[in-house]
Amino acid sequence: LPMYELADSKLPEKGTRIEIYQLNDEVKSSFL
């Protein structure tokens, strides 16, 4: 997987952010 530089404005506190799109059908149903 390619890695890219994170913008300086992102995550000013040391940490991690994971965002997931195109959720699977089971997940959509549960999240509703």
All heavy atoms as atom14 arrays in JSON, in Angstrom:
{
  "sequence": "LPMYELADSKLPEKGTRIEIYQLNDEVKSSFL",
  "atom14_mask": [
    [1, 1, 1, 1, 1, 1, 1, 1, 0, 0, 0, 0, 0, 0],
    [1, 1, 1, 1, 1, 1, 1, 0, 0, 0, 0, 0, 0, 0],
    [1, 1, 1, 1, 1, 1, 1, 1, 0, 0, 0, 0, 0, 0],
    [1, 1, 1, 1, 1, 1, 1, 1, 1, 1, 1, 1, 0, 0],
    [1, 1, 1, 1, 1, 1, 1, 1, 1, 0, 0, 0, 0, 0],
    [1, 1, 1, 1, 1, 1, 1, 1, 0, 0, 0, 0, 0, 0],
    [1, 1, 1, 1, 1, 0, 0, 0, 0, 0, 0, 0, 0, 0],
    [1, 1, 1, 1, 1, 1, 1, 1, 0, 0, 0, 0, 0, 0],
    [1, 1, 1, 1, 1, 1, 0, 0, 0, 0, 0, 0, 0, 0],
    [1, 1, 1, 1, 1, 1, 1, 1, 1, 0, 0, 0, 0, 0],
    [1, 1, 1, 1, 1, 1, 1, 1, 0, 0, 0, 0, 0, 0],
    [1, 1, 1, 1, 1, 1, 1, 0, 0, 0, 0, 0, 0, 0],
    [1, 1, 1, 1, 1, 1, 1, 1, 1, 0, 0, 0, 0, 0],
    [1, 1, 1, 1, 1, 1, 1, 1, 1, 0, 0, 0, 0, 0],
    [1, 1, 1, 1, 0, 0, 0, 0, 0, 0, 0, 0, 0, 0],
    [1, 1, 1, 1, 1, 1, 1, 0, 0, 0, 0, 0, 0, 0],
    [1, 1, 1, 1, 1, 1, 1, 1, 1, 1, 1, 0, 0, 0],
    [1, 1, 1, 1, 1, 1, 1, 1, 0, 0, 0, 0, 0, 0],
    [1, 1, 1, 1, 1, 1, 1, 1, 1, 0, 0, 0, 0, 0],
    [1, 1, 1, 1, 1, 1, 1, 1, 0, 0, 0, 0, 0, 0],
    [1, 1, 1, 1, 1, 1, 1, 1, 1, 1, 1, 1, 0, 0],
    [1, 1, 1, 1, 1, 1, 1, 1, 1, 0, 0, 0, 0, 0],
    [1, 1, 1, 1, 1, 1, 1, 1, 0, 0, 0, 0, 0, 0],
    [1, 1, 1, 1, 1, 1, 1, 1, 0, 0, 0, 0, 0, 0],
    [1, 1, 1, 1, 1, 1, 1, 1, 0, 0, 0, 0, 0, 0],
    [1, 1, 1, 1, 1, 1, 1, 1, 1, 0, 0, 0, 0, 0],
    [1, 1, 1, 1, 1, 1, 1, 0, 0, 0, 0, 0, 0, 0],
    [1, 1, 1, 1, 1, 1, 1, 1, 1, 0, 0, 0, 0, 0],
    [1, 1, 1, 1, 1, 1, 0, 0, 0, 0, 0, 0, 0, 0],
    [1, 1, 1, 1, 1, 1, 0, 0, 0, 0, 0, 0, 0, 0],
    [1, 1, 1, 1, 1, 1, 1, 1, 1, 1, 1, 0, 0, 0],
    [1, 1, 1, 1, 1, 1, 1, 1, 0, 0, 0, 0, 0, 0]
  ],
  "atom14_positions": [
    [[0.83, -1.2, 0.0], [0.0, 0.0, 0.0], [0.87, 1.25, 0.0], [1.77, 1.38, 0.84], [-0.9, 0.0, 1.24], [-1.96, -1.11, 1.27], [-2.48, -1.32, 2.69], [-3.11, -0.77, 0.33], [0.0, 0.0, 0.0], [0.0, 0.0, 0.0], [0.0, 0.0, 0.0], [0.0, 0.0, 0.0], [0.0, 0.0, 0.0], [0.0, 0.0, 0.0]],
    [[0.61, 2.2, -0.88], [1.4, 3.43, -0.88], [1.1, 4.26, 0.36], [-0.02, 4.27, 0.87], [0.96, 4.15, -2.15], [-0.39, 3.57, -2.47], [-0.37, 2.17, -1.98], [0.0, 0.0, 0.0], [0.0, 0.0, 0.0], [0.0, 0.0, 0.0], [0.0, 0.0, 0.0], [0.0, 0.0, 0.0], [0.0, 0.0, 0.0], [0.0, 0.0, 0.0]],
    [[2.12, 4.95, 0.86], [1.99, 5.84, 2.02], [2.24, 7.27, 1.55], [3.15, 7.53, 0.78], [2.98, 5.45, 3.12], [2.82, 4.02, 3.62], [4.06, 3.58, 4.89], [3.49, 4.6, 6.24], [0.0, 0.0, 0.0], [0.0, 0.0, 0.0], [0.0, 0.0, 0.0], [0.0, 0.0, 0.0], [0.0, 0.0, 0.0], [0.0, 0.0, 0.0]],
    [[1.4, 8.19, 2.08], [1.52, 9.59, 1.69], [1.75, 10.44, 2.93], [1.4, 10.06, 4.06], [0.25, 10.05, 0.97], [-0.07, 9.23, -0.26], [-0.95, 8.15, -0.19], [0.52, 9.52, -1.48], [-1.24, 7.39, -1.31], [0.23, 8.77, -2.62], [-0.65, 7.7, -2.52], [-0.93, 6.95, -3.64], [0.0, 0.0, 0.0], [0.0, 0.0, 0.0]],
    [[2.31, 11.6, 2.73], [2.58, 12.5, 3.84], [1.28, 13.1, 4.36], [0.41, 13.49, 3.58], [3.52, 13.62, 3.38], [3.95, 14.55, 4.5], [4.92, 15.62, 4.03], [5.23, 15.63, 2.81], [5.37, 16.42, 4.86], [0.0, 0.0, 0.0], [0.0, 0.0, 0.0], [0.0, 0.0, 0.0], [0.0, 0.0, 0.0], [0.0, 0.0, 0.0]],
    [[1.15, 13.17, 5.66], [-0.04, 13.73, 6.29], [0.13, 15.24, 6.42], [1.19, 15.74, 6.82], [-0.23, 13.12, 7.68], [-1.48, 13.56, 8.47], [-2.75, 13.07, 7.79], [-1.41, 13.02, 9.91], [0.0, 0.0, 0.0], [0.0, 0.0, 0.0], [0.0, 0.0, 0.0], [0.0, 0.0, 0.0], [0.0, 0.0, 0.0], [0.0, 0.0, 0.0]],
    [[-0.92, 15.98, 6.09], [-0.87, 17.43, 6.19], [-0.6, 17.87, 7.63], [-1.08, 17.24, 8.59], [-2.19, 18.03, 5.7], [0.0, 0.0, 0.0], [0.0, 0.0, 0.0], [0.0, 0.0, 0.0], [0.0, 0.0, 0.0], [0.0, 0.0, 0.0], [0.0, 0.0, 0.0], [0.0, 0.0, 0.0], [0.0, 0.0, 0.0], [0.0, 0.0, 0.0]],
    [[0.15, 18.94, 7.79], [0.53, 19.41, 9.13], [-0.68, 19.75, 9.98], [-0.62, 19.68, 11.21], [1.43, 20.65, 9.0], [2.8, 20.32, 8.43], [3.18, 19.13, 8.48], [3.47, 21.24, 7.91], [0.0, 0.0, 0.0], [0.0, 0.0, 0.0], [0.0, 0.0, 0.0], [0.0, 0.0, 0.0], [0.0, 0.0, 0.0], [0.0, 0.0, 0.0]],
    [[-1.78, 20.13, 9.35], [-2.98, 20.53, 10.11], [-3.75, 19.34, 10.66], [-4.62, 19.51, 11.52], [-3.9, 21.36, 9.21], [-4.29, 20.6, 8.06], [0.0, 0.0, 0.0], [0.0, 0.0, 0.0], [0.0, 0.0, 0.0], [0.0, 0.0, 0.0], [0.0, 0.0, 0.0], [0.0, 0.0, 0.0], [0.0, 0.0, 0.0], [0.0, 0.0, 0.0]],
    [[-3.45, 18.15, 10.18], [-4.18, 16.95, 10.61], [-3.56, 16.35, 11.87], [-2.34, 16.28, 12.01], [-4.15, 15.89, 9.5], [-4.88, 16.29, 8.22], [-6.37, 16.26, 8.43], [-7.13, 16.41, 7.11], [-7.05, 15.21, 6.28], [0.0, 0.0, 0.0], [0.0, 0.0, 0.0], [0.0, 0.0, 0.0], [0.0, 0.0, 0.0], [0.0, 0.0, 0.0]],
    [[-4.42, 15.92, 12.78], [-4.01, 15.21, 14.0], [-2.92, 15.96, 14.76], [-1.8, 15.46, 14.95], [-3.54, 13.79, 13.68], [-4.56, 12.88, 13.0], [-3.92, 11.55, 12.62], [-5.75, 12.63, 13.92], [0.0, 0.0, 0.0], [0.0, 0.0, 0.0], [0.0, 0.0, 0.0], [0.0, 0.0, 0.0], [0.0, 0.0, 0.0], [0.0, 0.0, 0.0]],
    [[-3.24, 17.19, 15.23], [-2.22, 17.95, 15.98], [-1.78, 17.22, 17.26], [-0.63, 17.35, 17.68], [-2.94, 19.26, 16.3], [-4.41, 18.96, 16.16], [-4.5, 17.92, 15.11], [0.0, 0.0, 0.0], [0.0, 0.0, 0.0], [0.0, 0.0, 0.0], [0.0, 0.0, 0.0], [0.0, 0.0, 0.0], [0.0, 0.0, 0.0], [0.0, 0.0, 0.0]],
    [[-2.7, 16.45, 17.87], [-2.3, 15.56, 18.96], [-1.88, 14.24, 18.32], [-2.48, 13.79, 17.35], [-3.47, 15.31, 19.92], [-3.95, 16.52, 20.67], [-5.05, 16.14, 21.65], [-6.22, 16.17, 21.25], [-4.72, 15.8, 22.8], [0.0, 0.0, 0.0], [0.0, 0.0, 0.0], [0.0, 0.0, 0.0], [0.0, 0.0, 0.0], [0.0, 0.0, 0.0]],
    [[-0.87, 13.62, 18.86], [-0.44, 12.34, 18.3], [-1.59, 11.34, 18.41], [-2.11, 11.1, 19.49], [0.79, 11.82, 19.04], [2.05, 12.65, 18.82], [3.23, 12.06, 19.56], [4.5, 12.87, 19.34], [5.66, 12.3, 20.05], [0.0, 0.0, 0.0], [0.0, 0.0, 0.0], [0.0, 0.0, 0.0], [0.0, 0.0, 0.0], [0.0, 0.0, 0.0]],
    [[-1.96, 10.75, 17.28], [-3.07, 9.81, 17.3], [-3.33, 9.24, 15.92], [-2.54, 9.42, 14.99], [0.0, 0.0, 0.0], [0.0, 0.0, 0.0], [0.0, 0.0, 0.0], [0.0, 0.0, 0.0], [0.0, 0.0, 0.0], [0.0, 0.0, 0.0], [0.0, 0.0, 0.0], [0.0, 0.0, 0.0], [0.0, 0.0, 0.0], [0.0, 0.0, 0.0]],
    [[-4.48, 8.57, 15.8], [-4.85, 7.89, 14.57], [-6.32, 8.16, 14.25], [-7.15, 8.23, 15.16], [-4.61, 6.37, 14.69], [-3.23, 6.13, 14.96], [-5.01, 5.63, 13.42], [0.0, 0.0, 0.0], [0.0, 0.0, 0.0], [0.0, 0.0, 0.0], [0.0, 0.0, 0.0], [0.0, 0.0, 0.0], [0.0, 0.0, 0.0], [0.0, 0.0, 0.0]],
    [[-6.61, 8.29, 12.95], [-7.99, 8.45, 12.48], [-8.22, 7.47, 11.34], [-7.46, 7.43, 10.38], [-8.23, 9.88, 12.0], [-9.67, 10.18, 11.6], [-9.81, 11.64, 11.15], [-11.2, 12.02, 10.99], [-11.91, 11.86, 9.88], [-11.33, 11.26, 8.82], [-13.17, 12.23, 9.81], [0.0, 0.0, 0.0], [0.0, 0.0, 0.0], [0.0, 0.0, 0.0]],
    [[-9.27, 6.66, 11.48], [-9.64, 5.7, 10.44], [-11.06, 6.02, 9.99], [-11.98, 6.06, 10.82], [-9.56, 4.25, 10.95], [-8.16, 3.92, 11.44], [-9.99, 3.27, 9.87], [-8.04, 2.56, 12.12], [0.0, 0.0, 0.0], [0.0, 0.0, 0.0], [0.0, 0.0, 0.0], [0.0, 0.0, 0.0], [0.0, 0.0, 0.0], [0.0, 0.0, 0.0]],
    [[-11.23, 6.27, 8.71], [-12.56, 6.53, 8.16], [-12.85, 5.48, 7.1], [-12.02, 5.22, 6.22], [-12.64, 7.93, 7.56], [-14.04, 8.3, 7.11], [-14.26, 9.8, 6.97], [-13.26, 10.56, 7.08], [-15.41, 10.2, 6.76], [0.0, 0.0, 0.0], [0.0, 0.0, 0.0], [0.0, 0.0, 0.0], [0.0, 0.0, 0.0], [0.0, 0.0, 0.0]],
    [[-14.03, 4.87, 7.19], [-14.4, 3.78, 6.28], [-15.67, 4.16, 5.54], [-16.67, 4.55, 6.15], [-14.6, 2.47, 7.06], [-13.31, 2.12, 7.84], [-14.97, 1.32, 6.13], [-13.46, 0.96, 8.78], [0.0, 0.0, 0.0], [0.0, 0.0, 0.0], [0.0, 0.0, 0.0], [0.0, 0.0, 0.0], [0.0, 0.0, 0.0], [0.0, 0.0, 0.0]],
    [[-15.61, 4.04, 4.2], [-16.76, 4.32, 3.33], [-17.22, 3.03, 2.67], [-16.64, 1.96, 2.87], [-16.36, 5.34, 2.26], [-16.0, 6.7, 2.8], [-14.67, 7.05, 3.0], [-16.99, 7.62, 3.12], [-14.33, 8.3, 3.49], [-16.66, 8.88, 3.6], [-15.33, 9.22, 3.78], [-15.01, 10.46, 4.27], [0.0, 0.0, 0.0], [0.0, 0.0, 0.0]],
    [[-18.25, 3.16, 1.82], [-18.82, 2.01, 1.12], [-19.01, 0.84, 2.1], [-18.43, -0.24, 1.95], [-17.93, 1.6, -0.06], [-17.86, 2.66, -1.16], [-17.29, 2.12, -2.46], [-17.36, 0.93, -2.74], [-16.74, 3.01, -3.27], [0.0, 0.0, 0.0], [0.0, 0.0, 0.0], [0.0, 0.0, 0.0], [0.0, 0.0, 0.0], [0.0, 0.0, 0.0]],
    [[-19.81, 1.11, 3.13], [-20.04, 0.11, 4.17], [-20.75, -1.11, 3.6], [-21.59, -1.01, 2.7], [-20.88, 0.72, 5.3], [-20.3, 1.95, 6.01], [-21.26, 2.44, 7.09], [-18.93, 1.62, 6.62], [0.0, 0.0, 0.0], [0.0, 0.0, 0.0], [0.0, 0.0, 0.0], [0.0, 0.0, 0.0], [0.0, 0.0, 0.0], [0.0, 0.0, 0.0]],
    [[-20.43, -2.26, 4.15], [-21.11, -3.49, 3.77], [-22.57, -3.45, 4.23], [-22.92, -2.74, 5.18], [-20.39, -4.7, 4.38], [-18.98, -4.86, 3.84], [-18.73, -4.58, 2.67], [-18.05, -5.28, 4.68], [0.0, 0.0, 0.0], [0.0, 0.0, 0.0], [0.0, 0.0, 0.0], [0.0, 0.0, 0.0], [0.0, 0.0, 0.0], [0.0, 0.0, 0.0]],
    [[-23.42, -4.24, 3.57], [-24.87, -4.18, 3.83], [-25.2, -4.48, 5.29], [-26.05, -3.82, 5.9], [-25.61, -5.16, 2.92], [-25.6, -4.71, 1.46], [-25.37, -3.5, 1.22], [-25.83, -5.56, 0.57], [0.0, 0.0, 0.0], [0.0, 0.0, 0.0], [0.0, 0.0, 0.0], [0.0, 0.0, 0.0], [0.0, 0.0, 0.0], [0.0, 0.0, 0.0]],
    [[-24.54, -5.49, 5.86], [-24.79, -5.83, 7.27], [-24.46, -4.66, 8.18], [-25.18, -4.38, 9.15], [-23.93, -7.04, 7.67], [-23.95, -7.37, 9.15], [-22.71, -8.12, 9.62], [-21.89, -8.53, 8.78], [-22.57, -8.27, 10.85], [0.0, 0.0, 0.0], [0.0, 0.0, 0.0], [0.0, 0.0, 0.0], [0.0, 0.0, 0.0], [0.0, 0.0, 0.0]],
    [[-23.39, -3.96, 7.86], [-22.96, -2.83, 8.68], [-23.95, -1.68, 8.56], [-24.33, -1.06, 9.56], [-21.54, -2.39, 8.26], [-21.1, -1.18, 9.08], [-20.57, -3.54, 8.43], [0.0, 0.0, 0.0], [0.0, 0.0, 0.0], [0.0, 0.0, 0.0], [0.0, 0.0, 0.0], [0.0, 0.0, 0.0], [0.0, 0.0, 0.0], [0.0, 0.0, 0.0]],
    [[-24.4, -1.38, 7.34], [-25.39, -0.32, 7.14], [-26.63, -0.6, 7.97], [-27.17, 0.29, 8.63], [-25.77, -0.22, 5.67], [-24.69, 0.32, 4.75], [-25.2, 0.33, 3.31], [-24.13, 0.79, 2.34], [-24.6, 0.75, 0.94], [0.0, 0.0, 0.0], [0.0, 0.0, 0.0], [0.0, 0.0, 0.0], [0.0, 0.0, 0.0], [0.0, 0.0, 0.0]],
    [[-27.1, -1.84, 7.91], [-28.31, -2.21, 8.64], [-28.13, -2.02, 10.14], [-29.02, -1.48, 10.84], [-28.66, -3.67, 8.34], [-29.77, -4.09, 9.08], [0.0, 0.0, 0.0], [0.0, 0.0, 0.0], [0.0, 0.0, 0.0], [0.0, 0.0, 0.0], [0.0, 0.0, 0.0], [0.0, 0.0, 0.0], [0.0, 0.0, 0.0], [0.0, 0.0, 0.0]],
    [[-26.98, -2.43, 10.68], [-26.72, -2.27, 12.12], [-26.61, -0.81, 12.5], [-27.15, -0.38, 13.53], [-25.43, -3.02, 12.5], [-25.56, -4.4, 12.28], [0.0, 0.0, 0.0], [0.0, 0.0, 0.0], [0.0, 0.0, 0.0], [0.0, 0.0, 0.0], [0.0, 0.0, 0.0], [0.0, 0.0, 0.0], [0.0, 0.0, 0.0], [0.0, 0.0, 0.0]],
    [[-25.93, -0.01, 11.69], [-25.72, 1.4, 12.02], [-27.0, 2.22, 11.91], [-27.06, 3.34, 12.44], [-24.64, 1.98, 11.1], [-23.23, 1.54, 11.46], [-23.0, 0.64, 12.49], [-22.13, 2.02, 10.75], [-21.72, 0.23, 12.82], [-20.84, 1.62, 11.07], [-20.64, 0.72, 12.1], [0.0, 0.0, 0.0], [0.0, 0.0, 0.0], [0.0, 0.0, 0.0]],
    [[-28.02, 1.69, 11.22], [-29.32, 2.37, 11.16], [-30.21, 2.0, 12.34], [-31.26, 2.61, 12.53], [-30.02, 1.99, 9.85], [-29.57, 2.72, 8.58], [-30.12, 2.03, 7.35], [-29.99, 4.19, 8.62], [0.0, 0.0, 0.0], [0.0, 0.0, 0.0], [0.0, 0.0, 0.0], [0.0, 0.0, 0.0], [0.0, 0.0, 0.0], [0.0, 0.0, 0.0]]
  ]
}
